[in-house]
Amino acid sequence: MASEEEWTKSSYSSQDNGNCVETTVNSAAITESGLVGVRDSKAKGGPALAFTHAAWTGFVGLLHSGEGDFGVVD
């Protein structure tokens, strides 16, 4: 999907912590299709999810607003 330098780790994660979500919008394949790539930093070679920019922006906005009921999964 995207090269390693094109993925961005969450600002809530330390750089040496591998348990995080990473996103990319800089890959040519992602940019051409208008999608945002999301992957688990523990499985960098594994599959990535792809969301439209509008869907991802809406999701992040909902997280920031505190209005979503996402629950906690252990």
PDB file of N, CA and C in Angstrom:
ATOM      1  N   MET A   1       0.825  -1.186   0.000  1.00  0.00           N
ATOM      2  CA  MET A   1       0.000   0.000   0.000  1.00  0.00           C
ATOM      3  C   MET A   1       0.870   1.251   0.000  1.00  0.00           C
ATOM      4  N   ALA A   2       1.513   1.583   1.121  1.00  0.00           N
ATOM      5  CA  ALA A   2       2.373   2.765   1.204  1.00  0.00           C
ATOM      6  C   ALA A   2       3.710   2.352   1.782  1.00  0.00           C
ATOM      7  N   SER A   3       4.754   3.100   1.440  1.00  0.00           N
ATOM      8  CA  SER A   3       6.059   2.792   2.017  1.00  0.00           C
ATOM      9  C   SER A   3       6.066   3.192   3.489  1.00  0.00           C
ATOM     10  N   GLU A   4       7.046   2.674   4.227  1.00  0.00           N
ATOM     11  CA  GLU A   4       7.107   2.910   5.676  1.00  0.00           C
ATOM     12  C   GLU A   4       7.118   4.385   6.039  1.00  0.00           C
ATOM     13  N   GLU A   5       7.840   5.207   5.287  1.00  0.00           N
ATOM     14  CA  GLU A   5       7.935   6.616   5.660  1.00  0.00           C
ATOM     15  C   GLU A   5       6.644   7.388   5.428  1.00  0.00           C
ATOM     16  N   GLU A   6       5.683   6.795   4.742  1.00  0.00           N
ATOM     17  CA  GLU A   6       4.424   7.474   4.475  1.00  0.00           C
ATOM     18  C   GLU A   6       3.361   7.230   5.540  1.00  0.00           C
ATOM     19  N   TRP A   7       3.624   6.344   6.490  1.00  0.00           N
ATOM     20  CA  TRP A   7       2.665   6.055   7.551  1.00  0.00           C
ATOM     21  C   TRP A   7       2.917   6.975   8.744  1.00  0.00           C
ATOM     22  N   THR A   8       1.846   7.441   9.379  1.00  0.00           N
ATOM     23  CA  THR A   8       1.940   8.321  10.540  1.00  0.00           C
ATOM     24  C   THR A   8       1.356   7.618  11.744  1.00  0.00           C
ATOM     25  N   LYS A   9       2.124   7.581  12.823  1.00  0.00           N
ATOM     26  CA  LYS A   9       1.668   6.957  14.066  1.00  0.00           C
ATOM     27  C   LYS A   9       0.908   7.987  14.900  1.00  0.00           C
ATOM     28  N   SER A  10      -0.034   7.526  15.670  1.00  0.00           N
ATOM     29  CA  SER A  10      -0.810   8.396  16.545  1.00  0.00           C
ATOM     30  C   SER A  10       0.091   9.236  17.437  1.00  0.00           C
ATOM     31  N   SER A  11      -0.280  10.478  17.639  1.00  0.00           N
ATOM     32  CA  SER A  11       0.481  11.364  18.531  1.00  0.00           C
ATOM     33  C   SER A  11       0.353  10.934  19.987  1.00  0.00           C
ATOM     34  N   TYR A  12      -0.580  10.049  20.283  1.00  0.00           N
ATOM     35  CA  TYR A  12      -0.760   9.547  21.651  1.00  0.00           C
ATOM     36  C   TYR A  12       0.169   8.374  21.956  1.00  0.00           C
ATOM     37  N   SER A  13       0.946   7.947  20.996  1.00  0.00           N
ATOM     38  CA  SER A  13       1.833   6.800  21.157  1.00  0.00           C
ATOM     39  C   SER A  13       3.283   7.258  21.159  1.00  0.00           C
ATOM     40  N   SER A  14       4.091   6.650  22.020  1.00  0.00           N
ATOM     41  CA  SER A  14       5.521   6.946  21.978  1.00  0.00           C
ATOM     42  C   SER A  14       6.105   6.272  20.740  1.00  0.00           C
ATOM     43  N   GLN A  15       7.198   6.782  20.234  1.00  0.00           N
ATOM     44  CA  GLN A  15       7.786   6.251  19.003  1.00  0.00           C
ATOM     45  C   GLN A  15       8.288   4.817  19.150  1.00  0.00           C
ATOM     46  N   ASP A  16       8.622   4.388  20.373  1.00  0.00           N
ATOM     47  CA  ASP A  16       9.120   3.025  20.558  1.00  0.00           C
ATOM     48  C   ASP A  16       8.017   2.044  20.942  1.00  0.00           C
ATOM     49  N   ASN A  17       6.784   2.522  21.077  1.00  0.00           N
ATOM     50  CA  ASN A  17       5.656   1.652  21.417  1.00  0.00           C
ATOM     51  C   ASN A  17       5.022   1.156  20.122  1.00  0.00           C
ATOM     52  N   GLY A  18       4.939  -0.156  19.943  1.00  0.00           N
ATOM     53  CA  GLY A  18       4.400  -0.718  18.715  1.00  0.00           C
ATOM     54  C   GLY A  18       2.908  -0.961  18.728  1.00  0.00           C
ATOM     55  N   ASN A  19       2.231  -0.622  19.810  1.00  0.00           N
ATOM     56  CA  ASN A  19       0.800  -0.893  19.929  1.00  0.00           C
ATOM     57  C   ASN A  19      -0.001   0.351  19.575  1.00  0.00           C
ATOM     58  N   CYS A  20      -0.198   0.574  18.297  1.00  0.00           N
ATOM     59  CA  CYS A  20      -0.837   1.809  17.892  1.00  0.00           C
ATOM     60  C   CYS A  20      -1.506   1.666  16.529  1.00  0.00           C
ATOM     61  N   VAL A  21      -2.263   2.688  16.179  1.00  0.00           N
ATOM     62  CA  VAL A  21      -2.876   2.790  14.862  1.00  0.00           C
ATOM     63  C   VAL A  21      -2.031   3.754  14.040  1.00  0.00           C
ATOM     64  N   GLU A  22      -1.805   3.412  12.781  1.00  0.00           N
ATOM     65  CA  GLU A  22      -1.084   4.296  11.866  1.00  0.00           C
ATOM     66  C   GLU A  22      -1.979   4.601  10.672  1.00  0.00           C
ATOM     67  N   THR A  23      -1.826   5.793  10.113  1.00  0.00           N
ATOM     68  CA  THR A  23      -2.612   6.192   8.949  1.00  0.00           C
ATOM     69  C   THR A  23      -1.693   6.684   7.840  1.00  0.00           C
ATOM     70  N   THR A  24      -2.210   6.678   6.632  1.00  0.00           N
ATOM     71  CA  THR A  24      -1.493   7.256   5.494  1.00  0.00           C
ATOM     72  C   THR A  24      -2.479   7.880   4.522  1.00  0.00           C
ATOM     73  N   VAL A  25      -2.099   9.011   3.989  1.00  0.00           N
ATOM     74  CA  VAL A  25      -2.824   9.633   2.879  1.00  0.00           C
ATOM     75  C   VAL A  25      -1.839  10.016   1.781  1.00  0.00           C
ATOM     76  N   ASN A  26      -0.561   9.687   1.967  1.00  0.00           N
ATOM     77  CA  ASN A  26       0.489  10.126   1.055  1.00  0.00           C
ATOM     78  C   ASN A  26       0.840   9.139  -0.043  1.00  0.00           C
ATOM     79  N   SER A  27       0.371   7.929   0.048  1.00  0.00           N
ATOM     80  CA  SER A  27       0.671   6.930  -0.969  1.00  0.00           C
ATOM     81  C   SER A  27      -0.022   7.307  -2.276  1.00  0.00           C
ATOM     82  N   ALA A  28       0.644   7.073  -3.394  1.00  0.00           N
ATOM     83  CA  ALA A  28       0.046   7.385  -4.694  1.00  0.00           C
ATOM     84  C   ALA A  28      -1.273   6.646  -4.879  1.00  0.00           C
ATOM     85  N   ALA A  29      -1.320   5.372  -4.485  1.00  0.00           N
ATOM     86  CA  ALA A  29      -2.555   4.590  -4.640  1.00  0.00           C
ATOM     87  C   ALA A  29      -3.673   5.164  -3.782  1.00  0.00           C
ATOM     88  N   ILE A  30      -3.325   5.601  -2.577  1.00  0.00           N
ATOM     89  CA  ILE A  30      -4.325   6.173  -1.679  1.00  0.00           C
ATOM     90  C   ILE A  30      -4.790   7.525  -2.207  1.00  0.00           C
ATOM     91  N   THR A  31      -3.858   8.384  -2.586  1.00  0.00           N
ATOM     92  CA  THR A  31      -4.193   9.726  -3.050  1.00  0.00           C
ATOM     93  C   THR A  31      -5.061   9.679  -4.299  1.00  0.00           C
ATOM     94  N   GLU A  32      -4.718   8.822  -5.252  1.00  0.00           N
ATOM     95  CA  GLU A  32      -5.488   8.721  -6.487  1.00  0.00           C
ATOM     96  C   GLU A  32      -6.910   8.258  -6.229  1.00  0.00           C
ATOM     97  N   SER A  33      -7.096   7.389  -5.249  1.00  0.00           N
ATOM     98  CA  SER A  33      -8.427   6.865  -4.969  1.00  0.00           C
ATOM     99  C   SER A  33      -9.167   7.708  -3.942  1.00  0.00           C
ATOM    100  N   GLY A  34      -8.478   8.660  -3.296  1.00  0.00           N
ATOM    101  CA  GLY A  34      -9.114   9.516  -2.303  1.00  0.00           C
ATOM    102  C   GLY A  34      -9.372   8.815  -0.988  1.00  0.00           C
ATOM    103  N   LEU A  35      -8.613   7.751  -0.695  1.00  0.00           N
ATOM    104  CA  LEU A  35      -8.836   6.981   0.523  1.00  0.00           C
ATOM    105  C   LEU A  35      -7.780   7.274   1.577  1.00  0.00           C
ATOM    106  N   VAL A  36      -8.120   6.975   2.823  1.00  0.00           N
ATOM    107  CA  VAL A  36      -7.195   7.049   3.947  1.00  0.00           C
ATOM    108  C   VAL A  36      -6.912   5.615   4.377  1.00  0.00           C
ATOM    109  N   GLY A  37      -5.634   5.237   4.432  1.00  0.00           N
ATOM    110  CA  GLY A  37      -5.246   3.900   4.869  1.00  0.00           C
ATOM    111  C   GLY A  37      -5.033   3.873   6.372  1.00  0.00           C
ATOM    112  N   VAL A  38      -5.484   2.806   7.027  1.00  0.00           N
ATOM    113  CA  VAL A  38      -5.342   2.641   8.477  1.00  0.00           C
ATOM    114  C   VAL A  38      -4.841   1.228   8.739  1.00  0.00           C
ATOM    115  N   ARG A  39      -3.804   1.104   9.584  1.00  0.00           N
ATOM    116  CA  ARG A  39      -3.266  -0.219   9.894  1.00  0.00           C
ATOM    117  C   ARG A  39      -2.841  -0.297  11.358  1.00  0.00           C
ATOM    118  N   ASP A  40      -2.622  -1.516  11.803  1.00  0.00           N
ATOM    119  CA  ASP A  40      -2.124  -1.804  13.149  1.00  0.00           C
ATOM    120  C   ASP A  40      -0.604  -1.771  13.095  1.00  0.00           C
ATOM    121  N   SER A  41       0.019  -0.968  13.946  1.00  0.00           N
ATOM    122  CA  SER A  41       1.479  -0.843  13.905  1.00  0.00           C
ATOM    123  C   SER A  41       2.198  -2.127  14.312  1.00  0.00           C
ATOM    124  N   LYS A  42       1.504  -3.042  14.980  1.00  0.00           N
ATOM    125  CA  LYS A  42       2.116  -4.325  15.354  1.00  0.00           C
ATOM    126  C   LYS A  42       2.201  -5.263  14.158  1.00  0.00           C
ATOM    127  N   ALA A  43       1.402  -5.005  13.131  1.00  0.00           N
ATOM    128  CA  ALA A  43       1.347  -5.884  11.957  1.00  0.00           C
ATOM    129  C   ALA A  43       1.536  -5.045  10.697  1.00  0.00           C
ATOM    130  N   LYS A  44       2.686  -4.401  10.594  1.00  0.00           N
ATOM    131  CA  LYS A  44       2.943  -3.483   9.475  1.00  0.00           C
ATOM    132  C   LYS A  44       2.828  -4.152   8.111  1.00  0.00           C
ATOM    133  N   GLY A  45       3.118  -5.432   8.039  1.00  0.00           N
ATOM    134  CA  GLY A  45       3.019  -6.136   6.772  1.00  0.00           C
ATOM    135  C   GLY A  45       1.644  -6.723   6.527  1.00  0.00           C
ATOM    136  N   GLY A  46       0.764  -6.587   7.489  1.00  0.00           N
ATOM    137  CA  GLY A  46      -0.576  -7.144   7.382  1.00  0.00           C
ATOM    138  C   GLY A  46      -1.506  -6.242   6.592  1.00  0.00           C
ATOM    139  N   PRO A  47      -2.772  -6.580   6.590  1.00  0.00           N
ATOM    140  CA  PRO A  47      -3.738  -5.801   5.826  1.00  0.00           C
ATOM    141  C   PRO A  47      -3.963  -4.422   6.430  1.00  0.00           C
ATOM    142  N   ALA A  48      -4.395  -3.512   5.596  1.00  0.00           N
ATOM    143  CA  ALA A  48      -4.769  -2.169   6.036  1.00  0.00           C
ATOM    144  C   ALA A  48      -6.218  -1.938   5.646  1.00  0.00           C
ATOM    145  N   LEU A  49      -6.904  -1.167   6.440  1.00  0.00           N
ATOM    146  CA  LEU A  49      -8.266  -0.770   6.109  1.00  0.00           C
ATOM    147  C   LEU A  49      -8.207   0.502   5.283  1.00  0.00           C
ATOM    148  N   ALA A  50      -9.186   0.718   4.430  1.00  0.00           N
ATOM    149  CA  ALA A  50      -9.233   1.933   3.612  1.00  0.00           C
ATOM    150  C   ALA A  50     -10.592   2.590   3.792  1.00  0.00           C
ATOM    151  N   PHE A  51     -10.568   3.875   4.094  1.00  0.00           N
ATOM    152  CA  PHE A  51     -11.784   4.649   4.316  1.00  0.00           C
ATOM    153  C   PHE A  51     -11.778   5.860   3.392  1.00  0.00           C
ATOM    154  N   THR A  52     -12.961   6.301   2.986  1.00  0.00           N
ATOM    155  CA  THR A  52     -13.013   7.559   2.246  1.00  0.00           C
ATOM    156  C   THR A  52     -12.568   8.667   3.186  1.00  0.00           C
ATOM    157  N   HIS A  53     -12.069   9.749   2.600  1.00  0.00           N
ATOM    158  CA  HIS A  53     -11.618  10.875   3.421  1.00  0.00           C
ATOM    159  C   HIS A  53     -12.777  11.408   4.265  1.00  0.00           C
ATOM    160  N   ALA A  54     -13.968  11.480   3.697  1.00  0.00           N
ATOM    161  CA  ALA A  54     -15.135  11.979   4.430  1.00  0.00           C
ATOM    162  C   ALA A  54     -15.482  11.073   5.611  1.00  0.00           C
ATOM    163  N   ALA A  55     -15.430   9.760   5.405  1.00  0.00           N
ATOM    164  CA  ALA A  55     -15.748   8.824   6.493  1.00  0.00           C
ATOM    165  C   ALA A  55     -14.712   8.926   7.609  1.00  0.00           C
ATOM    166  N   TRP A  56     -13.423   8.999   7.245  1.00  0.00           N
ATOM    167  CA  TRP A  56     -12.362   9.084   8.257  1.00  0.00           C
ATOM    168  C   TRP A  56     -12.451  10.404   9.026  1.00  0.00           C
ATOM    169  N   THR A  57     -12.657  11.504   8.320  1.00  0.00           N
ATOM    170  CA  THR A  57     -12.778  12.809   8.972  1.00  0.00           C
ATOM    171  C   THR A  57     -13.977  12.826   9.915  1.00  0.00           C
ATOM    172  N   GLY A  58     -15.085  12.232   9.500  1.00  0.00           N
ATOM    173  CA  GLY A  58     -16.264  12.148  10.364  1.00  0.00           C
ATOM    174  C   GLY A  58     -16.003  11.325  11.609  1.00  0.00           C
ATOM    175  N   PHE A  59     -15.314  10.200  11.456  1.00  0.00           N
ATOM    176  CA  PHE A  59     -14.985   9.337  12.588  1.00  0.00           C
ATOM    177  C   PHE A  59     -14.081  10.063  13.579  1.00  0.00           C
ATOM    178  N   VAL A  60     -13.021  10.691  13.081  1.00  0.00           N
ATOM    179  CA  VAL A  60     -12.095  11.419  13.955  1.00  0.00           C
ATOM    180  C   VAL A  60     -12.817  12.580  14.641  1.00  0.00           C
ATOM    181  N   GLY A  61     -13.684  13.269  13.922  1.00  0.00           N
ATOM    182  CA  GLY A  61     -14.462  14.357  14.520  1.00  0.00           C
ATOM    183  C   GLY A  61     -15.357  13.860  15.639  1.00  0.00           C
ATOM    184  N   LEU A  62     -15.962  12.696  15.451  1.00  0.00           N
ATOM    185  CA  LEU A  62     -16.807  12.103  16.485  1.00  0.00           C
ATOM    186  C   LEU A  62     -15.985  11.742  17.716  1.00  0.00           C
ATOM    187  N   LEU A  63     -14.791  11.211  17.511  1.00  0.00           N
ATOM    188  CA  LEU A  63     -13.912  10.903  18.642  1.00  0.00           C
ATOM    189  C   LEU A  63     -13.562  12.163  19.419  1.00  0.00           C
ATOM    190  N   HIS A  64     -13.210  13.220  18.709  1.00  0.00           N
ATOM    191  CA  HIS A  64     -12.826  14.475  19.361  1.00  0.00           C
ATOM    192  C   HIS A  64     -13.997  15.125  20.092  1.00  0.00           C
ATOM    193  N   SER A  65     -15.198  14.948  19.581  1.00  0.00           N
ATOM    194  CA  SER A  65     -16.369  15.581  20.200  1.00  0.00           C
ATOM    195  C   SER A  65     -16.789  14.888  21.487  1.00  0.00           C
ATOM    196  N   GLY A  66     -16.402  13.618  21.640  1.00  0.00           N
ATOM    197  CA  GLY A  66     -16.809  12.860  22.820  1.00  0.00           C
ATOM    198  C   GLY A  66     -18.248  12.378  22.751  1.00  0.00           C
ATOM    199  N   GLU A  67     -18.898  12.539  21.606  1.00  0.00           N
ATOM    200  CA  GLU A  67     -20.306  12.164  21.468  1.00  0.00           C
ATOM    201  C   GLU A  67     -20.512  10.688  21.155  1.00  0.00           C
ATOM    202  N   GLY A  68     -19.495  10.014  20.668  1.00  0.00           N
ATOM    203  CA  GLY A  68     -19.639   8.608  20.303  1.00  0.00           C
ATOM    204  C   GLY A  68     -19.593   7.705  21.519  1.00  0.00           C
ATOM    205  N   ASP A  69     -20.333   6.611  21.475  1.00  0.00           N
ATOM    206  CA  ASP A  69     -20.298   5.610  22.543  1.00  0.00           C
ATOM    207  C   ASP A  69     -19.567   4.398  21.985  1.00  0.00           C
ATOM    208  N   PHE A  70     -18.249   4.367  22.172  1.00  0.00           N
ATOM    209  CA  PHE A  70     -17.432   3.322  21.581  1.00  0.00           C
ATOM    210  C   PHE A  70     -17.126   2.183  22.536  1.00  0.00           C
ATOM    211  N   GLY A  71     -17.371   2.375  23.831  1.00  0.00           N
ATOM    212  CA  GLY A  71     -17.110   1.323  24.805  1.00  0.00           C
ATOM    213  C   GLY A  71     -15.637   0.954  24.856  1.00  0.00           C
ATOM    214  N   VAL A  72     -15.283   0.125  25.777  1.00  0.00           N
ATOM    215  CA  VAL A  72     -13.908  -0.334  25.933  1.00  0.00           C
ATOM    216  C   VAL A  72     -13.891  -1.836  25.760  1.00  0.00           C
ATOM    217  N   VAL A  73     -13.020  -2.320  24.896  1.00  0.00           N
ATOM    218  CA  VAL A  73     -12.880  -3.750  24.657  1.00  0.00           C
ATOM    219  C   VAL A  73     -11.540  -4.180  25.218  1.00  0.00           C
ATOM    220  N   ASP A  74     -11.551  -5.164  26.095  1.00  0.00           N
ATOM    221  CA  ASP A  74     -10.295  -5.667  26.667  1.00  0.00           C
ATOM    222  C   ASP A  74      -9.797  -6.852  25.889  1.00  0.00           C
TER     223      ASP A  74
END
